[in-house]
Full PDB file with SEQRES, HELIX, SHEET, SSBOND, CRYST1, ORIGX, SCALE, CONECT and MASTER records, all heavy atoms in Angstrom:
SEQRES   1 A   33  LEU PRO ILE ASP ILE LEU ASN THR GLY TYR LEU SER GLY          
SEQRES   2 A   33  LEU THR GLY LEU SER VAL ALA PRO ASP GLU LEU LEU ILE          
SEQRES   3 A   33  ALA PHE ILE ALA PRO PRO TRP                                  
HELIX    1 AA1 TYR A   10  THR A   15  1                                   6    
CRYST1    1.000    1.000    1.000  90.00  90.00  90.00 P 1           1          
ORIGX1      1.000000  0.000000  0.000000        0.00000                         
ORIGX2      0.000000  1.000000  0.000000        0.00000                         
ORIGX3      0.000000  0.000000  1.000000        0.00000                         
SCALE1      1.000000  0.000000  0.000000        0.00000                         
SCALE2      0.000000  1.000000  0.000000        0.00000                         
SCALE3      0.000000  0.000000  1.000000        0.00000                         
ATOM      1  N   LEU A   1       0.825  -1.200   0.000  1.00  0.00           N  
ATOM      2  CA  LEU A   1       0.000   0.000   0.000  1.00  0.00           C  
ATOM      3  C   LEU A   1       0.865   1.258   0.000  1.00  0.00           C  
ATOM      4  O   LEU A   1       1.960   1.271   0.560  1.00  0.00           O  
ATOM      5  CB  LEU A   1      -0.918   0.015   1.224  1.00  0.00           C  
ATOM      6  CG  LEU A   1      -2.054  -0.993   1.240  1.00  0.00           C  
ATOM      7  CD1 LEU A   1      -2.776  -0.959   2.575  1.00  0.00           C  
ATOM      8  CD2 LEU A   1      -3.038  -0.714   0.118  1.00  0.00           C  
ATOM      9  N   PRO A   2       0.387   2.331  -0.628  1.00  0.00           N  
ATOM     10  CA  PRO A   2       1.156   3.590  -0.661  1.00  0.00           C  
ATOM     11  C   PRO A   2       1.025   4.352   0.653  1.00  0.00           C  
ATOM     12  O   PRO A   2       0.290   5.332   0.774  1.00  0.00           O  
ATOM     13  CB  PRO A   2       0.487   4.349  -1.820  1.00  0.00           C  
ATOM     14  CG  PRO A   2      -0.932   3.865  -1.830  1.00  0.00           C  
ATOM     15  CD  PRO A   2      -0.861   2.404  -1.424  1.00  0.00           C  
ATOM     16  N   ILE A   3       1.774   3.900   1.666  1.00  0.00           N  
ATOM     17  CA  ILE A   3       1.739   4.513   2.985  1.00  0.00           C  
ATOM     18  C   ILE A   3       3.121   5.089   3.300  1.00  0.00           C  
ATOM     19  O   ILE A   3       4.126   4.414   3.164  1.00  0.00           O  
ATOM     20  CB  ILE A   3       1.359   3.498   4.081  1.00  0.00           C  
ATOM     21  CG1 ILE A   3      -0.034   2.920   3.819  1.00  0.00           C  
ATOM     22  CG2 ILE A   3       1.412   4.139   5.456  1.00  0.00           C  
ATOM     23  CD1 ILE A   3      -0.449   1.858   4.823  1.00  0.00           C  
ATOM     24  N   ASP A   4       3.134   6.338   3.724  1.00  0.00           N  
ATOM     25  CA  ASP A   4       4.374   7.006   4.092  1.00  0.00           C  
ATOM     26  C   ASP A   4       4.286   7.410   5.560  1.00  0.00           C  
ATOM     27  O   ASP A   4       3.452   8.242   5.929  1.00  0.00           O  
ATOM     28  CB  ASP A   4       4.584   8.235   3.204  1.00  0.00           C  
ATOM     29  CG  ASP A   4       5.965   8.842   3.386  1.00  0.00           C  
ATOM     30  OD1 ASP A   4       6.828   8.184   3.993  1.00  0.00           O  
ATOM     31  OD2 ASP A   4       6.171   9.982   2.929  1.00  0.00           O  
ATOM     32  N   ILE A   5       5.107   6.806   6.419  1.00  0.00           N  
ATOM     33  CA  ILE A   5       5.127   7.125   7.837  1.00  0.00           C  
ATOM     34  C   ILE A   5       6.295   8.065   8.110  1.00  0.00           C  
ATOM     35  O   ILE A   5       7.441   7.769   7.749  1.00  0.00           O  
ATOM     36  CB  ILE A   5       5.271   5.855   8.703  1.00  0.00           C  
ATOM     37  CG1 ILE A   5       4.091   4.916   8.465  1.00  0.00           C  
ATOM     38  CG2 ILE A   5       5.352   6.221  10.183  1.00  0.00           C  
ATOM     39  CD1 ILE A   5       2.757   5.461   8.937  1.00  0.00           C  
ATOM     40  N   LEU A   6       6.013   9.193   8.750  1.00  0.00           N  
ATOM     41  CA  LEU A   6       7.030  10.199   9.028  1.00  0.00           C  
ATOM     42  C   LEU A   6       7.242  10.329  10.525  1.00  0.00           C  
ATOM     43  O   LEU A   6       6.283  10.339  11.295  1.00  0.00           O  
ATOM     44  CB  LEU A   6       6.610  11.552   8.443  1.00  0.00           C  
ATOM     45  CG  LEU A   6       6.280  11.578   6.945  1.00  0.00           C  
ATOM     46  CD1 LEU A   6       5.811  12.965   6.536  1.00  0.00           C  
ATOM     47  CD2 LEU A   6       7.478  11.141   6.127  1.00  0.00           C  
ATOM     48  N   ASN A   7       8.497  10.448  10.922  1.00  0.00           N  
ATOM     49  CA  ASN A   7       8.841  10.618  12.338  1.00  0.00           C  
ATOM     50  C   ASN A   7       8.751  12.098  12.701  1.00  0.00           C  
ATOM     51  O   ASN A   7       9.753  12.806  12.782  1.00  0.00           O  
ATOM     52  CB  ASN A   7      10.245  10.065  12.586  1.00  0.00           C  
ATOM     53  CG  ASN A   7      10.623  10.061  14.054  1.00  0.00           C  
ATOM     54  OD1 ASN A   7      11.799   9.968  14.396  1.00  0.00           O  
ATOM     55  ND2 ASN A   7       9.654  10.159  14.945  1.00  0.00           N  
ATOM     56  N   THR A   8       7.540  12.558  12.923  1.00  0.00           N  
ATOM     57  CA  THR A   8       7.307  13.967  13.217  1.00  0.00           C  
ATOM     58  C   THR A   8       5.975  14.130  13.930  1.00  0.00           C  
ATOM     59  O   THR A   8       5.144  13.224  13.925  1.00  0.00           O  
ATOM     60  CB  THR A   8       7.306  14.807  11.913  1.00  0.00           C  
ATOM     61  OG1 THR A   8       7.222  16.195  12.234  1.00  0.00           O  
ATOM     62  CG2 THR A   8       6.131  14.427  11.016  1.00  0.00           C  
ATOM     63  N   GLY A   9       5.775  15.280  14.554  1.00  0.00           N  
ATOM     64  CA  GLY A   9       4.508  15.591  15.185  1.00  0.00           C  
ATOM     65  C   GLY A   9       3.486  16.037  14.162  1.00  0.00           C  
ATOM     66  O   GLY A   9       3.829  16.338  13.009  1.00  0.00           O  
ATOM     67  N   TYR A  10       2.233  16.110  14.590  1.00  0.00           N  
ATOM     68  CA  TYR A  10       1.175  16.414  13.622  1.00  0.00           C  
ATOM     69  C   TYR A  10       1.278  17.829  13.073  1.00  0.00           C  
ATOM     70  O   TYR A  10       0.957  18.080  11.903  1.00  0.00           O  
ATOM     71  CB  TYR A  10      -0.197  16.145  14.233  1.00  0.00           C  
ATOM     72  CG  TYR A  10      -0.783  17.281  15.024  1.00  0.00           C  
ATOM     73  CD1 TYR A  10      -1.686  18.175  14.450  1.00  0.00           C  
ATOM     74  CD2 TYR A  10      -0.439  17.475  16.366  1.00  0.00           C  
ATOM     75  CE1 TYR A  10      -2.225  19.220  15.177  1.00  0.00           C  
ATOM     76  CE2 TYR A  10      -0.980  18.512  17.091  1.00  0.00           C  
ATOM     77  CZ  TYR A  10      -1.878  19.389  16.502  1.00  0.00           C  
ATOM     78  OH  TYR A  10      -2.408  20.430  17.231  1.00  0.00           O  
ATOM     79  N   LEU A  11       1.732  18.774  13.877  1.00  0.00           N  
ATOM     80  CA  LEU A  11       1.801  20.163  13.414  1.00  0.00           C  
ATOM     81  C   LEU A  11       2.829  20.323  12.299  1.00  0.00           C  
ATOM     82  O   LEU A  11       2.520  20.875  11.233  1.00  0.00           O  
ATOM     83  CB  LEU A  11       2.135  21.098  14.575  1.00  0.00           C  
ATOM     84  CG  LEU A  11       1.010  21.401  15.552  1.00  0.00           C  
ATOM     85  CD1 LEU A  11       1.519  22.234  16.726  1.00  0.00           C  
ATOM     86  CD2 LEU A  11      -0.141  22.136  14.858  1.00  0.00           C  
ATOM     87  N   SER A  12       4.039  19.845  12.518  1.00  0.00           N  
ATOM     88  CA  SER A  12       5.071  19.952  11.483  1.00  0.00           C  
ATOM     89  C   SER A  12       4.733  19.080  10.289  1.00  0.00           C  
ATOM     90  O   SER A  12       5.006  19.441   9.134  1.00  0.00           O  
ATOM     91  CB  SER A  12       6.435  19.566  12.050  1.00  0.00           C  
ATOM     92  OG  SER A  12       6.424  18.245  12.562  1.00  0.00           O  
ATOM     93  N   GLY A  13       4.115  17.922  10.549  1.00  0.00           N  
ATOM     94  CA  GLY A  13       3.725  17.050   9.445  1.00  0.00           C  
ATOM     95  C   GLY A  13       2.693  17.681   8.541  1.00  0.00           C  
ATOM     96  O   GLY A  13       2.819  17.657   7.311  1.00  0.00           O  
ATOM     97  N   LEU A  14       1.673  18.256   9.127  1.00  0.00           N  
ATOM     98  CA  LEU A  14       0.627  18.905   8.336  1.00  0.00           C  
ATOM     99  C   LEU A  14       1.138  20.145   7.626  1.00  0.00           C  
ATOM    100  O   LEU A  14       0.701  20.467   6.516  1.00  0.00           O  
ATOM    101  CB  LEU A  14      -0.560  19.272   9.224  1.00  0.00           C  
ATOM    102  CG  LEU A  14      -1.409  18.106   9.741  1.00  0.00           C  
ATOM    103  CD1 LEU A  14      -2.478  18.613  10.703  1.00  0.00           C  
ATOM    104  CD2 LEU A  14      -2.061  17.347   8.588  1.00  0.00           C  
ATOM    105  N   THR A  15       2.068  20.851   8.256  1.00  0.00           N  
ATOM    106  CA  THR A  15       2.617  22.061   7.644  1.00  0.00           C  
ATOM    107  C   THR A  15       3.300  21.742   6.308  1.00  0.00           C  
ATOM    108  O   THR A  15       3.228  22.532   5.365  1.00  0.00           O  
ATOM    109  CB  THR A  15       3.620  22.735   8.599  1.00  0.00           C  
ATOM    110  OG1 THR A  15       2.945  23.099   9.810  1.00  0.00           O  
ATOM    111  CG2 THR A  15       4.227  23.980   7.972  1.00  0.00           C  
ATOM    112  N   GLY A  16       3.938  20.591   6.226  1.00  0.00           N  
ATOM    113  CA  GLY A  16       4.623  20.217   4.997  1.00  0.00           C  
ATOM    114  C   GLY A  16       3.785  19.410   4.031  1.00  0.00           C  
ATOM    115  O   GLY A  16       4.304  18.930   3.014  1.00  0.00           O  
ATOM    116  N   LEU A  17       2.490  19.249   4.322  1.00  0.00           N  
ATOM    117  CA  LEU A  17       1.623  18.410   3.491  1.00  0.00           C  
ATOM    118  C   LEU A  17       0.937  19.234   2.398  1.00  0.00           C  
ATOM    119  O   LEU A  17       0.445  20.335   2.651  1.00  0.00           O  
ATOM    120  CB  LEU A  17       0.549  17.765   4.371  1.00  0.00           C  
ATOM    121  CG  LEU A  17      -0.321  16.685   3.722  1.00  0.00           C  
ATOM    122  CD1 LEU A  17       0.510  15.428   3.466  1.00  0.00           C  
ATOM    123  CD2 LEU A  17      -1.502  16.355   4.637  1.00  0.00           C  
ATOM    124  N   SER A  18       0.901  18.693   1.195  1.00  0.00           N  
ATOM    125  CA  SER A  18       0.223  19.344   0.071  1.00  0.00           C  
ATOM    126  C   SER A  18      -0.915  18.455  -0.419  1.00  0.00           C  
ATOM    127  O   SER A  18      -0.763  17.233  -0.504  1.00  0.00           O  
ATOM    128  CB  SER A  18       1.202  19.599  -1.078  1.00  0.00           C  
ATOM    129  OG  SER A  18       2.229  20.495  -0.687  1.00  0.00           O  
ATOM    130  N   VAL A  19      -2.042  19.077  -0.752  1.00  0.00           N  
ATOM    131  CA  VAL A  19      -3.219  18.364  -1.237  1.00  0.00           C  
ATOM    132  C   VAL A  19      -3.508  18.805  -2.665  1.00  0.00           C  
ATOM    133  O   VAL A  19      -3.597  20.006  -2.942  1.00  0.00           O  
ATOM    134  CB  VAL A  19      -4.446  18.646  -0.345  1.00  0.00           C  
ATOM    135  CG1 VAL A  19      -5.656  17.856  -0.826  1.00  0.00           C  
ATOM    136  CG2 VAL A  19      -4.140  18.309   1.111  1.00  0.00           C  
ATOM    137  N   ALA A  20      -3.645  17.862  -3.581  1.00  0.00           N  
ATOM    138  CA  ALA A  20      -3.948  18.187  -4.975  1.00  0.00           C  
ATOM    139  C   ALA A  20      -5.375  18.703  -5.099  1.00  0.00           C  
ATOM    140  O   ALA A  20      -6.242  18.379  -4.280  1.00  0.00           O  
ATOM    141  CB  ALA A  20      -3.748  16.948  -5.851  1.00  0.00           C  
ATOM    142  N   PRO A  21      -5.663  19.512  -6.127  1.00  0.00           N  
ATOM    143  CA  PRO A  21      -7.009  20.081  -6.288  1.00  0.00           C  
ATOM    144  C   PRO A  21      -8.115  19.037  -6.396  1.00  0.00           C  
ATOM    145  O   PRO A  21      -9.248  19.304  -5.999  1.00  0.00           O  
ATOM    146  CB  PRO A  21      -6.885  20.900  -7.587  1.00  0.00           C  
ATOM    147  CG  PRO A  21      -5.431  21.223  -7.689  1.00  0.00           C  
ATOM    148  CD  PRO A  21      -4.715  20.035  -7.128  1.00  0.00           C  
ATOM    149  N   ASP A  22      -7.796  17.849  -6.927  1.00  0.00           N  
ATOM    150  CA  ASP A  22      -8.824  16.834  -7.114  1.00  0.00           C  
ATOM    151  C   ASP A  22      -8.793  15.768  -6.014  1.00  0.00           C  
ATOM    152  O   ASP A  22      -9.391  14.708  -6.153  1.00  0.00           O  
ATOM    153  CB  ASP A  22      -8.693  16.164  -8.476  1.00  0.00           C  
ATOM    154  CG  ASP A  22      -7.337  15.502  -8.686  1.00  0.00           C  
ATOM    155  OD1 ASP A  22      -6.444  15.677  -7.820  1.00  0.00           O  
ATOM    156  OD2 ASP A  22      -7.162  14.816  -9.705  1.00  0.00           O  
ATOM    157  N   GLU A  23      -8.091  16.045  -4.907  1.00  0.00           N  
ATOM    158  CA  GLU A  23      -8.011  15.101  -3.798  1.00  0.00           C  
ATOM    159  C   GLU A  23      -8.952  15.500  -2.662  1.00  0.00           C  
ATOM    160  O   GLU A  23      -9.176  16.683  -2.393  1.00  0.00           O  
ATOM    161  CB  GLU A  23      -6.591  15.018  -3.235  1.00  0.00           C  
ATOM    162  CG  GLU A  23      -5.639  14.186  -4.069  1.00  0.00           C  
ATOM    163  CD  GLU A  23      -4.296  14.027  -3.379  1.00  0.00           C  
ATOM    164  OE1 GLU A  23      -3.798  15.007  -2.794  1.00  0.00           O  
ATOM    165  OE2 GLU A  23      -3.725  12.922  -3.448  1.00  0.00           O  
ATOM    166  N   LEU A  24      -9.480  14.482  -1.990  1.00  0.00           N  
ATOM    167  CA  LEU A  24     -10.229  14.669  -0.747  1.00  0.00           C  
ATOM    168  C   LEU A  24      -9.287  14.359   0.403  1.00  0.00           C  
ATOM    169  O   LEU A  24      -8.735  13.266   0.477  1.00  0.00           O  
ATOM    170  CB  LEU A  24     -11.440  13.742  -0.698  1.00  0.00           C  
ATOM    171  CG  LEU A  24     -12.182  13.670   0.653  1.00  0.00           C  
ATOM    172  CD1 LEU A  24     -12.839  14.999   0.996  1.00  0.00           C  
ATOM    173  CD2 LEU A  24     -13.214  12.541   0.641  1.00  0.00           C  
ATOM    174  N   LEU A  25      -9.098  15.319   1.301  1.00  0.00           N  
ATOM    175  CA  LEU A  25      -8.249  15.106   2.463  1.00  0.00           C  
ATOM    176  C   LEU A  25      -9.075  14.458   3.576  1.00  0.00           C  
ATOM    177  O   LEU A  25     -10.085  15.006   4.014  1.00  0.00           O  
ATOM    178  CB  LEU A  25      -7.666  16.430   2.956  1.00  0.00           C  
ATOM    179  CG  LEU A  25      -6.829  16.377   4.243  1.00  0.00           C  
ATOM    180  CD1 LEU A  25      -5.641  15.433   4.075  1.00  0.00           C  
ATOM    181  CD2 LEU A  25      -6.369  17.776   4.638  1.00  0.00           C  
ATOM    182  N   ILE A  26      -8.644  13.276   4.005  1.00  0.00           N  
ATOM    183  CA  ILE A  26      -9.308  12.567   5.100  1.00  0.00           C  
ATOM    184  C   ILE A  26      -8.340  12.512   6.269  1.00  0.00           C  
ATOM    185  O   ILE A  26      -7.255  11.942   6.157  1.00  0.00           O  
ATOM    186  CB  ILE A  26      -9.716  11.147   4.684  1.00  0.00           C  
ATOM    187  CG1 ILE A  26     -10.677  11.191   3.496  1.00  0.00           C  
ATOM    188  CG2 ILE A  26     -10.348  10.405   5.858  1.00  0.00           C  
ATOM    189  CD1 ILE A  26     -11.041   9.818   2.948  1.00  0.00           C  
ATOM    190  N   ALA A  27      -8.719  13.117   7.389  1.00  0.00           N  
ATOM    191  CA  ALA A  27      -7.858  13.160   8.572  1.00  0.00           C  
ATOM    192  C   ALA A  27      -8.434  12.265   9.654  1.00  0.00           C  
ATOM    193  O   ALA A  27      -9.576  12.454  10.090  1.00  0.00           O  
ATOM    194  CB  ALA A  27      -7.736  14.595   9.069  1.00  0.00           C  
ATOM    195  N   PHE A  28      -7.647  11.267  10.075  1.00  0.00           N  
ATOM    196  CA  PHE A  28      -8.045  10.433  11.212  1.00  0.00           C  
ATOM    197  C   PHE A  28      -7.394  11.011  12.454  1.00  0.00           C  
ATOM    198  O   PHE A  28      -6.170  11.139  12.527  1.00  0.00           O  
ATOM    199  CB  PHE A  28      -7.621   8.981  11.010  1.00  0.00           C  
ATOM    200  CG  PHE A  28      -8.055   8.090  12.150  1.00  0.00           C  
ATOM    201  CD1 PHE A  28      -9.387   7.753  12.301  1.00  0.00           C  
ATOM    202  CD2 PHE A  28      -7.137   7.623  13.078  1.00  0.00           C  
ATOM    203  CE1 PHE A  28      -9.808   6.954  13.356  1.00  0.00           C  
ATOM    204  CE2 PHE A  28      -7.545   6.820  14.135  1.00  0.00           C  
ATOM    205  CZ  PHE A  28      -8.887   6.484  14.272  1.00  0.00           C  
ATOM    206  N   ILE A  29      -8.219  11.359  13.432  1.00  0.00           N  
ATOM    207  CA  ILE A  29      -7.754  12.093  14.614  1.00  0.00           C  
ATOM    208  C   ILE A  29      -8.002  11.261  15.863  1.00  0.00           C  
ATOM    209  O   ILE A  29      -9.149  11.041  16.250  1.00  0.00           O  
ATOM    210  CB  ILE A  29      -8.470  13.455  14.725  1.00  0.00           C  
ATOM    211  CG1 ILE A  29      -8.309  14.253  13.419  1.00  0.00           C  
ATOM    212  CG2 ILE A  29      -7.942  14.244  15.910  1.00  0.00           C  
ATOM    213  CD1 ILE A  29      -9.141  15.523  13.369  1.00  0.00           C  
ATOM    214  N   ALA A  30      -6.931  10.791  16.478  1.00  0.00           N  
ATOM    215  CA  ALA A  30      -7.040   9.989  17.698  1.00  0.00           C  
ATOM    216  C   ALA A  30      -5.864  10.297  18.614  1.00  0.00           C  
ATOM    217  O   ALA A  30      -4.967   9.474  18.796  1.00  0.00           O  
ATOM    218  CB  ALA A  30      -7.095   8.498  17.375  1.00  0.00           C  
ATOM    219  N   PRO A  31      -5.839  11.495  19.210  1.00  0.00           N  
ATOM    220  CA  PRO A  31      -4.727  11.846  20.097  1.00  0.00           C  
ATOM    221  C   PRO A  31      -4.827  11.112  21.421  1.00  0.00           C  
ATOM    222  O   PRO A  31      -5.892  10.579  21.774  1.00  0.00           O  
ATOM    223  CB  PRO A  31      -4.920  13.358  20.287  1.00  0.00           C  
ATOM    224  CG  PRO A  31      -6.400  13.546  20.180  1.00  0.00           C  
ATOM    225  CD  PRO A  31      -6.842  12.563  19.122  1.00  0.00           C  
ATOM    226  N   PRO A  32      -3.729  11.054  22.186  1.00  0.00           N  
ATOM    227  CA  PRO A  32      -3.810  10.462  23.535  1.00  0.00           C  
ATOM    228  C   PRO A  32      -4.862  11.180  24.370  1.00  0.00           C  
ATOM    229  O   PRO A  32      -4.996  12.395  24.306  1.00  0.00           O  
ATOM    230  CB  PRO A  32      -2.395  10.686  24.083  1.00  0.00           C  
ATOM    231  CG  PRO A  32      -1.526  10.822  22.876  1.00  0.00           C  
ATOM    232  CD  PRO A  32      -2.367  11.491  21.846  1.00  0.00           C  
ATOM    233  N   TRP A  33      -5.584  10.408  25.165  1.00  0.00           N  
ATOM    234  CA  TRP A  33      -6.658  10.999  25.969  1.00  0.00           C  
ATOM    235  C   TRP A  33      -6.137  11.681  27.222  1.00  0.00           C  
ATOM    236  O   TRP A  33      -6.748  12.621  27.715  1.00  0.00           O  
ATOM    237  CB  TRP A  33      -7.677   9.913  26.347  1.00  0.00           C  
ATOM    238  CG  TRP A  33      -8.507   9.469  25.188  1.00  0.00           C  
ATOM    239  CD1 TRP A  33      -8.580  10.065  23.958  1.00  0.00           C  
ATOM    240  CD2 TRP A  33      -9.377   8.335  25.127  1.00  0.00           C  
ATOM    241  NE1 TRP A  33      -9.431   9.369  23.131  1.00  0.00           N  
ATOM    242  CE2 TRP A  33      -9.934   8.297  23.831  1.00  0.00           C  
ATOM    243  CE3 TRP A  33      -9.721   7.343  26.041  1.00  0.00           C  
ATOM    244  CZ2 TRP A  33     -10.840   7.314  23.439  1.00  0.00           C  
ATOM    245  CZ3 TRP A  33     -10.612   6.359  25.650  1.00  0.00           C  
ATOM    246  CH2 TRP A  33     -11.166   6.355  24.358  1.00  0.00           C  
TER     247      TRP A  33                                                      
MASTER        0    0    0    1    0    0    0    6  246    1    0    3          
END                                                                             
């Protein structure tokens, strides 16, 4: 599967993320409680 795991926090990870115009961004959010 095309999965890329990065050793970074969510803020820096999202800052460097780009979404194509025809893509739907799906965010799974499950932080520590």
